[in-house]
Full PDB file with SEQRES, HELIX, SHEET, SSBOND, CRYST1, ORIGX, SCALE, CONECT and MASTER records, all heavy atoms in Angstrom:
SEQRES   1 A   30  SER SER THR ILE ASP TRP ASN ILE LYS ASP HIS LYS ASP          
SEQRES   2 A   30  ILE PRO ILE GLU GLU ARG ASN SER GLU GLU LEU SER HIS          
SEQRES   3 A   30  VAL GLU GLY LEU                                              
HELIX    1 AA1 HIS A   11  ASP A   13  5                                   3    
HELIX    2 AA2 GLU A   22  SER A   25  1                                   4    
CRYST1    1.000    1.000    1.000  90.00  90.00  90.00 P 1           1          
ORIGX1      1.000000  0.000000  0.000000        0.00000                         
ORIGX2      0.000000  1.000000  0.000000        0.00000                         
ORIGX3      0.000000  0.000000  1.000000        0.00000                         
SCALE1      1.000000  0.000000  0.000000        0.00000                         
SCALE2      0.000000  1.000000  0.000000        0.00000                         
SCALE3      0.000000  0.000000  1.000000        0.00000                         
ATOM      1  N   SER A   1    -135.764 -40.607-118.895  1.00  0.00           N  
ATOM      2  CA  SER A   1    -136.799 -41.310-119.582  1.00  0.00           C  
ATOM      3  C   SER A   1    -137.734 -40.407-120.345  1.00  0.00           C  
ATOM      4  O   SER A   1    -138.347 -40.843-121.358  1.00  0.00           O  
ATOM      5  CB  SER A   1    -137.588 -42.193-118.605  1.00  0.00           C  
ATOM      6  OG  SER A   1    -138.134 -41.400-117.554  1.00  0.00           O  
ATOM      7  N   SER A   2    -137.759 -39.149-120.009  1.00  0.00           N  
ATOM      8  CA  SER A   2    -138.650 -38.200-120.669  1.00  0.00           C  
ATOM      9  C   SER A   2    -138.227 -37.951-122.127  1.00  0.00           C  
ATOM     10  O   SER A   2    -138.916 -37.402-122.910  1.00  0.00           O  
ATOM     11  CB  SER A   2    -138.705 -36.901-119.902  1.00  0.00           C  
ATOM     12  OG  SER A   2    -137.477 -36.315-119.745  1.00  0.00           O  
ATOM     13  N   THR A   3    -137.035 -38.375-122.448  1.00  0.00           N  
ATOM     14  CA  THR A   3    -136.444 -38.159-123.818  1.00  0.00           C  
ATOM     15  C   THR A   3    -136.672 -39.419-124.717  1.00  0.00           C  
ATOM     16  O   THR A   3    -136.369 -39.412-125.810  1.00  0.00           O  
ATOM     17  CB  THR A   3    -134.882 -37.889-123.649  1.00  0.00           C  
ATOM     18  OG1 THR A   3    -134.677 -36.904-122.726  1.00  0.00           O  
ATOM     19  CG2 THR A   3    -134.368 -37.442-125.006  1.00  0.00           C  
ATOM     20  N   ILE A   4    -137.301 -40.395-124.133  1.00  0.00           N  
ATOM     21  CA  ILE A   4    -137.569 -41.609-124.959  1.00  0.00           C  
ATOM     22  C   ILE A   4    -138.970 -41.343-125.709  1.00  0.00           C  
ATOM     23  O   ILE A   4    -139.965 -41.071-125.079  1.00  0.00           O  
ATOM     24  CB  ILE A   4    -137.701 -42.861-124.148  1.00  0.00           C  
ATOM     25  CG1 ILE A   4    -136.400 -43.059-123.390  1.00  0.00           C  
ATOM     26  CG2 ILE A   4    -138.026 -44.115-125.010  1.00  0.00           C  
ATOM     27  CD1 ILE A   4    -136.404 -44.170-122.338  1.00  0.00           C  
ATOM     28  N   ASP A   5    -138.943 -41.621-127.006  1.00  0.00           N  
ATOM     29  CA  ASP A   5    -140.088 -41.589-127.821  1.00  0.00           C  
ATOM     30  C   ASP A   5    -140.551 -43.011-128.072  1.00  0.00           C  
ATOM     31  O   ASP A   5    -139.944 -43.713-128.882  1.00  0.00           O  
ATOM     32  CB  ASP A   5    -139.788 -40.878-129.156  1.00  0.00           C  
ATOM     33  CG  ASP A   5    -141.054 -40.655-129.973  1.00  0.00           C  
ATOM     34  OD1 ASP A   5    -141.992 -41.404-129.814  1.00  0.00           O  
ATOM     35  OD2 ASP A   5    -141.084 -39.763-130.838  1.00  0.00           O  
ATOM     36  N   TRP A   6    -141.592 -43.410-127.375  1.00  0.00           N  
ATOM     37  CA  TRP A   6    -142.043 -44.791-127.457  1.00  0.00           C  
ATOM     38  C   TRP A   6    -142.977 -45.115-128.677  1.00  0.00           C  
ATOM     39  O   TRP A   6    -143.303 -46.237-128.949  1.00  0.00           O  
ATOM     40  CB  TRP A   6    -142.858 -45.194-126.166  1.00  0.00           C  
ATOM     41  CG  TRP A   6    -142.032 -45.065-124.936  1.00  0.00           C  
ATOM     42  CD1 TRP A   6    -142.047 -44.114-124.011  1.00  0.00           C  
ATOM     43  CD2 TRP A   6    -141.130 -46.072-124.451  1.00  0.00           C  
ATOM     44  NE1 TRP A   6    -141.122 -44.342-122.952  1.00  0.00           N  
ATOM     45  CE2 TRP A   6    -140.578 -45.585-123.233  1.00  0.00           C  
ATOM     46  CE3 TRP A   6    -140.545 -47.265-124.877  1.00  0.00           C  
ATOM     47  CZ2 TRP A   6    -139.614 -46.284-122.494  1.00  0.00           C  
ATOM     48  CZ3 TRP A   6    -139.637 -47.985-124.185  1.00  0.00           C  
ATOM     49  CH2 TRP A   6    -139.191 -47.438-122.905  1.00  0.00           C  
ATOM     50  N   ASN A   7    -143.338 -43.978-129.372  1.00  0.00           N  
ATOM     51  CA  ASN A   7    -144.257 -44.066-130.450  1.00  0.00           C  
ATOM     52  C   ASN A   7    -143.681 -44.167-131.833  1.00  0.00           C  
ATOM     53  O   ASN A   7    -144.093 -45.073-132.612  1.00  0.00           O  
ATOM     54  CB  ASN A   7    -145.225 -42.883-130.423  1.00  0.00           C  
ATOM     55  CG  ASN A   7    -146.023 -42.834-129.148  1.00  0.00           C  
ATOM     56  OD1 ASN A   7    -146.617 -43.836-128.649  1.00  0.00           O  
ATOM     57  ND2 ASN A   7    -146.014 -41.665-128.510  1.00  0.00           N  
ATOM     58  N   ILE A   8    -142.665 -43.390-132.141  1.00  0.00           N  
ATOM     59  CA  ILE A   8    -142.046 -43.466-133.569  1.00  0.00           C  
ATOM     60  C   ILE A   8    -141.187 -44.682-133.665  1.00  0.00           C  
ATOM     61  O   ILE A   8    -140.409 -45.028-132.737  1.00  0.00           O  
ATOM     62  CB  ILE A   8    -141.238 -42.165-133.749  1.00  0.00           C  
ATOM     63  CG1 ILE A   8    -142.074 -40.903-133.906  1.00  0.00           C  
ATOM     64  CG2 ILE A   8    -140.365 -42.363-135.008  1.00  0.00           C  
ATOM     65  CD1 ILE A   8    -141.354 -39.684-134.270  1.00  0.00           C  
ATOM     66  N   LYS A   9    -141.451 -45.475-134.734  1.00  0.00           N  
ATOM     67  CA  LYS A   9    -140.781 -46.713-134.878  1.00  0.00           C  
ATOM     68  C   LYS A   9    -139.558 -46.663-135.829  1.00  0.00           C  
ATOM     69  O   LYS A   9    -138.676 -47.450-135.770  1.00  0.00           O  
ATOM     70  CB  LYS A   9    -141.665 -47.757-135.353  1.00  0.00           C  
ATOM     71  CG  LYS A   9    -142.980 -47.948-134.530  1.00  0.00           C  
ATOM     72  CD  LYS A   9    -142.598 -48.374-133.148  1.00  0.00           C  
ATOM     73  CE  LYS A   9    -143.861 -48.623-132.310  1.00  0.00           C  
ATOM     74  NZ  LYS A   9    -143.544 -48.912-130.871  1.00  0.00           N  
ATOM     75  N   ASP A  10    -139.553 -45.638-136.670  1.00  0.00           N  
ATOM     76  CA  ASP A  10    -138.523 -45.459-137.750  1.00  0.00           C  
ATOM     77  C   ASP A  10    -137.931 -44.118-137.598  1.00  0.00           C  
ATOM     78  O   ASP A  10    -138.577 -43.081-137.595  1.00  0.00           O  
ATOM     79  CB  ASP A  10    -139.191 -45.717-139.100  1.00  0.00           C  
ATOM     80  CG  ASP A  10    -138.166 -45.777-140.244  1.00  0.00           C  
ATOM     81  OD1 ASP A  10    -137.026 -45.139-140.068  1.00  0.00           O  
ATOM     82  OD2 ASP A  10    -138.387 -46.399-141.263  1.00  0.00           O  
ATOM     83  N   HIS A  11    -136.550 -44.134-137.522  1.00  0.00           N  
ATOM     84  CA  HIS A  11    -135.898 -42.806-137.333  1.00  0.00           C  
ATOM     85  C   HIS A  11    -136.061 -41.818-138.474  1.00  0.00           C  
ATOM     86  O   HIS A  11    -135.950 -40.622-138.282  1.00  0.00           O  
ATOM     87  CB  HIS A  11    -134.329 -43.067-137.137  1.00  0.00           C  
ATOM     88  CG  HIS A  11    -133.623 -43.513-138.330  1.00  0.00           C  
ATOM     89  ND1 HIS A  11    -133.240 -42.597-139.292  1.00  0.00           N  
ATOM     90  CD2 HIS A  11    -133.197 -44.711-138.659  1.00  0.00           C  
ATOM     91  CE1 HIS A  11    -132.568 -43.258-140.295  1.00  0.00           C  
ATOM     92  NE2 HIS A  11    -132.533 -44.543-139.875  1.00  0.00           N  
ATOM     93  N   LYS A  12    -136.537 -42.340-139.572  1.00  0.00           N  
ATOM     94  CA  LYS A  12    -136.781 -41.410-140.757  1.00  0.00           C  
ATOM     95  C   LYS A  12    -138.035 -40.496-140.460  1.00  0.00           C  
ATOM     96  O   LYS A  12    -138.316 -39.573-141.135  1.00  0.00           O  
ATOM     97  CB  LYS A  12    -137.032 -42.214-142.024  1.00  0.00           C  
ATOM     98  CG  LYS A  12    -135.806 -42.998-142.472  1.00  0.00           C  
ATOM     99  CD  LYS A  12    -136.012 -43.783-143.770  1.00  0.00           C  
ATOM    100  CE  LYS A  12    -134.779 -44.542-144.145  1.00  0.00           C  
ATOM    101  NZ  LYS A  12    -134.994 -45.456-145.312  1.00  0.00           N  
ATOM    102  N   ASP A  13    -138.875 -40.954-139.467  1.00  0.00           N  
ATOM    103  CA  ASP A  13    -139.997 -40.213-139.143  1.00  0.00           C  
ATOM    104  C   ASP A  13    -139.752 -39.139-138.106  1.00  0.00           C  
ATOM    105  O   ASP A  13    -140.668 -38.353-137.756  1.00  0.00           O  
ATOM    106  CB  ASP A  13    -141.113 -41.104-138.575  1.00  0.00           C  
ATOM    107  CG  ASP A  13    -141.581 -42.091-139.677  1.00  0.00           C  
ATOM    108  OD1 ASP A  13    -141.621 -41.678-140.856  1.00  0.00           O  
ATOM    109  OD2 ASP A  13    -142.020 -43.228-139.398  1.00  0.00           O  
ATOM    110  N   ILE A  14    -138.509 -39.062-137.564  1.00  0.00           N  
ATOM    111  CA  ILE A  14    -138.211 -37.973-136.662  1.00  0.00           C  
ATOM    112  C   ILE A  14    -138.107 -36.625-137.310  1.00  0.00           C  
ATOM    113  O   ILE A  14    -137.391 -36.539-138.378  1.00  0.00           O  
ATOM    114  CB  ILE A  14    -136.811 -38.249-135.886  1.00  0.00           C  
ATOM    115  CG1 ILE A  14    -136.873 -39.617-135.177  1.00  0.00           C  
ATOM    116  CG2 ILE A  14    -136.433 -37.062-135.008  1.00  0.00           C  
ATOM    117  CD1 ILE A  14    -135.526 -40.004-134.616  1.00  0.00           C  
ATOM    118  N   PRO A  15    -138.774 -35.574-136.855  1.00  0.00           N  
ATOM    119  CA  PRO A  15    -138.670 -34.329-137.572  1.00  0.00           C  
ATOM    120  C   PRO A  15    -137.344 -33.669-137.214  1.00  0.00           C  
ATOM    121  O   PRO A  15    -137.001 -33.352-136.073  1.00  0.00           O  
ATOM    122  CB  PRO A  15    -139.832 -33.516-136.916  1.00  0.00           C  
ATOM    123  CG  PRO A  15    -140.085 -34.177-135.576  1.00  0.00           C  
ATOM    124  CD  PRO A  15    -139.727 -35.498-135.785  1.00  0.00           C  
ATOM    125  N   ILE A  16    -136.510 -33.524-138.250  1.00  0.00           N  
ATOM    126  CA  ILE A  16    -135.172 -32.970-138.118  1.00  0.00           C  
ATOM    127  C   ILE A  16    -135.182 -31.479-138.408  1.00  0.00           C  
ATOM    128  O   ILE A  16    -135.497 -31.095-139.547  1.00  0.00           O  
ATOM    129  CB  ILE A  16    -134.148 -33.687-139.039  1.00  0.00           C  
ATOM    130  CG1 ILE A  16    -134.066 -35.178-138.744  1.00  0.00           C  
ATOM    131  CG2 ILE A  16    -132.771 -32.961-138.976  1.00  0.00           C  
ATOM    132  CD1 ILE A  16    -133.506 -35.485-137.390  1.00  0.00           C  
ATOM    133  N   GLU A  17    -134.881 -30.737-137.415  1.00  0.00           N  
ATOM    134  CA  GLU A  17    -134.959 -29.250-137.504  1.00  0.00           C  
ATOM    135  C   GLU A  17    -133.878 -28.727-138.446  1.00  0.00           C  
ATOM    136  O   GLU A  17    -132.741 -29.054-138.346  1.00  0.00           O  
ATOM    137  CB  GLU A  17    -134.829 -28.655-136.151  1.00  0.00           C  
ATOM    138  CG  GLU A  17    -134.881 -27.134-136.081  1.00  0.00           C  
ATOM    139  CD  GLU A  17    -134.770 -26.604-134.597  1.00  0.00           C  
ATOM    140  OE1 GLU A  17    -134.597 -27.420-133.732  1.00  0.00           O  
ATOM    141  OE2 GLU A  17    -134.877 -25.374-134.456  1.00  0.00           O  
ATOM    142  N   GLU A  18    -134.276 -27.848-139.346  1.00  0.00           N  
ATOM    143  CA  GLU A  18    -133.325 -27.156-140.217  1.00  0.00           C  
ATOM    144  C   GLU A  18    -133.390 -25.662-139.781  1.00  0.00           C  
ATOM    145  O   GLU A  18    -134.429 -25.014-139.855  1.00  0.00           O  
ATOM    146  CB  GLU A  18    -133.708 -27.212-141.713  1.00  0.00           C  
ATOM    147  CG  GLU A  18    -132.581 -26.614-142.572  1.00  0.00           C  
ATOM    148  CD  GLU A  18    -132.796 -26.983-144.068  1.00  0.00           C  
ATOM    149  OE1 GLU A  18    -133.617 -27.783-144.417  1.00  0.00           O  
ATOM    150  OE2 GLU A  18    -131.995 -26.365-144.831  1.00  0.00           O  
ATOM    151  N   ARG A  19    -132.279 -25.151-139.287  1.00  0.00           N  
ATOM    152  CA  ARG A  19    -132.242 -23.865-138.637  1.00  0.00           C  
ATOM    153  C   ARG A  19    -131.729 -22.771-139.625  1.00  0.00           C  
ATOM    154  O   ARG A  19    -131.250 -23.042-140.726  1.00  0.00           O  
ATOM    155  CB  ARG A  19    -131.401 -23.887-137.398  1.00  0.00           C  
ATOM    156  CG  ARG A  19    -132.058 -24.778-136.330  1.00  0.00           C  
ATOM    157  CD  ARG A  19    -131.370 -24.725-134.982  1.00  0.00           C  
ATOM    158  NE  ARG A  19    -131.319 -23.291-134.493  1.00  0.00           N  
ATOM    159  CZ  ARG A  19    -132.321 -22.706-133.794  1.00  0.00           C  
ATOM    160  NH1 ARG A  19    -133.520 -23.351-133.555  1.00  0.00           N  
ATOM    161  NH2 ARG A  19    -132.149 -21.495-133.349  1.00  0.00           N  
ATOM    162  N   ASN A  20    -131.756 -21.543-139.187  1.00  0.00           N  
ATOM    163  CA  ASN A  20    -131.408 -20.370-139.924  1.00  0.00           C  
ATOM    164  C   ASN A  20    -129.918 -20.527-140.438  1.00  0.00           C  
ATOM    165  O   ASN A  20    -129.034 -20.878-139.815  1.00  0.00           O  
ATOM    166  CB  ASN A  20    -131.483 -19.131-139.075  1.00  0.00           C  
ATOM    167  CG  ASN A  20    -131.383 -17.875-139.887  1.00  0.00           C  
ATOM    168  OD1 ASN A  20    -130.490 -17.643-140.582  1.00  0.00           O  
ATOM    169  ND2 ASN A  20    -132.406 -16.967-139.685  1.00  0.00           N  
ATOM    170  N   SER A  21    -129.774 -20.170-141.757  1.00  0.00           N  
ATOM    171  CA  SER A  21    -128.426 -20.274-142.359  1.00  0.00           C  
ATOM    172  C   SER A  21    -127.393 -19.345-141.641  1.00  0.00           C  
ATOM    173  O   SER A  21    -126.177 -19.656-141.781  1.00  0.00           O  
ATOM    174  CB  SER A  21    -128.502 -19.950-143.837  1.00  0.00           C  
ATOM    175  OG  SER A  21    -128.939 -18.584-144.033  1.00  0.00           O  
ATOM    176  N   GLU A  22    -127.853 -18.276-141.090  1.00  0.00           N  
ATOM    177  CA  GLU A  22    -126.881 -17.389-140.448  1.00  0.00           C  
ATOM    178  C   GLU A  22    -126.096 -18.019-139.275  1.00  0.00           C  
ATOM    179  O   GLU A  22    -125.043 -17.557-138.918  1.00  0.00           O  
ATOM    180  CB  GLU A  22    -127.595 -16.128-139.875  1.00  0.00           C  
ATOM    181  CG  GLU A  22    -127.859 -15.084-140.949  1.00  0.00           C  
ATOM    182  CD  GLU A  22    -128.102 -13.715-140.383  1.00  0.00           C  
ATOM    183  OE1 GLU A  22    -127.969 -13.550-139.121  1.00  0.00           O  
ATOM    184  OE2 GLU A  22    -128.470 -12.770-141.093  1.00  0.00           O  
ATOM    185  N   GLU A  23    -126.689 -19.153-138.691  1.00  0.00           N  
ATOM    186  CA  GLU A  23    -125.916 -19.818-137.618  1.00  0.00           C  
ATOM    187  C   GLU A  23    -124.622 -20.365-138.155  1.00  0.00           C  
ATOM    188  O   GLU A  23    -123.612 -20.508-137.503  1.00  0.00           O  
ATOM    189  CB  GLU A  23    -126.773 -20.927-137.031  1.00  0.00           C  
ATOM    190  CG  GLU A  23    -127.929 -20.457-136.206  1.00  0.00           C  
ATOM    191  CD  GLU A  23    -128.673 -21.615-135.588  1.00  0.00           C  
ATOM    192  OE1 GLU A  23    -128.493 -22.860-135.973  1.00  0.00           O  
ATOM    193  OE2 GLU A  23    -129.596 -21.260-134.689  1.00  0.00           O  
ATOM    194  N   LEU A  24    -124.567 -20.691-139.515  1.00  0.00           N  
ATOM    195  CA  LEU A  24    -123.375 -21.233-140.099  1.00  0.00           C  
ATOM    196  C   LEU A  24    -122.563 -20.080-140.742  1.00  0.00           C  
ATOM    197  O   LEU A  24    -121.327 -20.094-140.688  1.00  0.00           O  
ATOM    198  CB  LEU A  24    -123.743 -22.226-141.233  1.00  0.00           C  
ATOM    199  CG  LEU A  24    -124.000 -23.722-140.837  1.00  0.00           C  
ATOM    200  CD1 LEU A  24    -124.483 -24.441-141.876  1.00  0.00           C  
ATOM    201  CD2 LEU A  24    -122.574 -24.271-140.377  1.00  0.00           C  
ATOM    202  N   SER A  25    -123.232 -19.143-141.391  1.00  0.00           N  
ATOM    203  CA  SER A  25    -122.499 -18.180-142.208  1.00  0.00           C  
ATOM    204  C   SER A  25    -121.936 -17.013-141.373  1.00  0.00           C  
ATOM    205  O   SER A  25    -121.105 -16.238-141.802  1.00  0.00           O  
ATOM    206  CB  SER A  25    -123.439 -17.580-143.330  1.00  0.00           C  
ATOM    207  OG  SER A  25    -124.514 -16.954-142.669  1.00  0.00           O  
ATOM    208  N   HIS A  26    -122.429 -16.903-140.059  1.00  0.00           N  
ATOM    209  CA  HIS A  26    -121.875 -15.844-139.268  1.00  0.00           C  
ATOM    210  C   HIS A  26    -121.394 -16.410-137.906  1.00  0.00           C  
ATOM    211  O   HIS A  26    -121.939 -17.474-137.467  1.00  0.00           O  
ATOM    212  CB  HIS A  26    -123.053 -14.835-138.922  1.00  0.00           C  
ATOM    213  CG  HIS A  26    -123.479 -14.037-140.176  1.00  0.00           C  
ATOM    214  ND1 HIS A  26    -124.039 -14.601-141.256  1.00  0.00           N  
ATOM    215  CD2 HIS A  26    -123.285 -12.711-140.329  1.00  0.00           C  
ATOM    216  CE1 HIS A  26    -124.342 -13.606-142.137  1.00  0.00           C  
ATOM    217  NE2 HIS A  26    -123.899 -12.469-141.667  1.00  0.00           N  
ATOM    218  N   VAL A  27    -120.469 -15.746-137.321  1.00  0.00           N  
ATOM    219  CA  VAL A  27    -119.968 -16.134-135.962  1.00  0.00           C  
ATOM    220  C   VAL A  27    -119.948 -14.930-135.107  1.00  0.00           C  
ATOM    221  O   VAL A  27    -119.809 -13.813-135.557  1.00  0.00           O  
ATOM    222  CB  VAL A  27    -118.516 -16.753-136.058  1.00  0.00           C  
ATOM    223  CG1 VAL A  27    -118.550 -18.076-136.725  1.00  0.00           C  
ATOM    224  CG2 VAL A  27    -117.556 -15.789-136.589  1.00  0.00           C  
ATOM    225  N   GLU A  28    -120.143 -15.227-133.755  1.00  0.00           N  
ATOM    226  CA  GLU A  28    -120.036 -14.120-132.775  1.00  0.00           C  
ATOM    227  C   GLU A  28    -118.809 -14.322-131.880  1.00  0.00           C  
ATOM    228  O   GLU A  28    -118.392 -15.466-131.661  1.00  0.00           O  
ATOM    229  CB  GLU A  28    -121.313 -14.183-131.879  1.00  0.00           C  
ATOM    230  CG  GLU A  28    -122.499 -13.492-132.491  1.00  0.00           C  
ATOM    231  CD  GLU A  28    -123.610 -13.383-131.473  1.00  0.00           C  
ATOM    232  OE1 GLU A  28    -123.479 -13.936-130.330  1.00  0.00           O  
ATOM    233  OE2 GLU A  28    -124.652 -12.792-131.881  1.00  0.00           O  
ATOM    234  N   GLY A  29    -118.226 -13.218-131.470  1.00  0.00           N  
ATOM    235  CA  GLY A  29    -117.066 -13.310-130.543  1.00  0.00           C  
ATOM    236  C   GLY A  29    -116.728 -11.836-130.009  1.00  0.00           C  
ATOM    237  O   GLY A  29    -117.375 -10.934-130.382  1.00  0.00           O  
ATOM    238  N   LEU A  30    -115.705 -11.841-129.218  1.00  0.00           N  
ATOM    239  CA  LEU A  30    -115.234 -10.642-128.694  1.00  0.00           C  
ATOM    240  C   LEU A  30    -114.225  -9.901-129.630  1.00  0.00           C  
ATOM    241  O   LEU A  30    -113.341 -10.538-130.077  1.00  0.00           O  
ATOM    242  CB  LEU A  30    -114.605 -10.821-127.377  1.00  0.00           C  
ATOM    243  CG  LEU A  30    -115.496 -11.346-126.182  1.00  0.00           C  
ATOM    244  CD1 LEU A  30    -114.694 -11.529-124.866  1.00  0.00           C  
ATOM    245  CD2 LEU A  30    -116.661 -10.416-125.928  1.00  0.00           C  
TER     246      LEU A  30                                                      
MASTER        0    0    0    2    0    0    0    6  245    1    0    3          
END                                                                             
């Protein structure tokens, strides 16, 4: 229940995180 947002009524108001481009352009491995 801690994940429920009882206040925002429209999903367009959810802040969508845009992260560093390197997460896509680079990969890690052995």
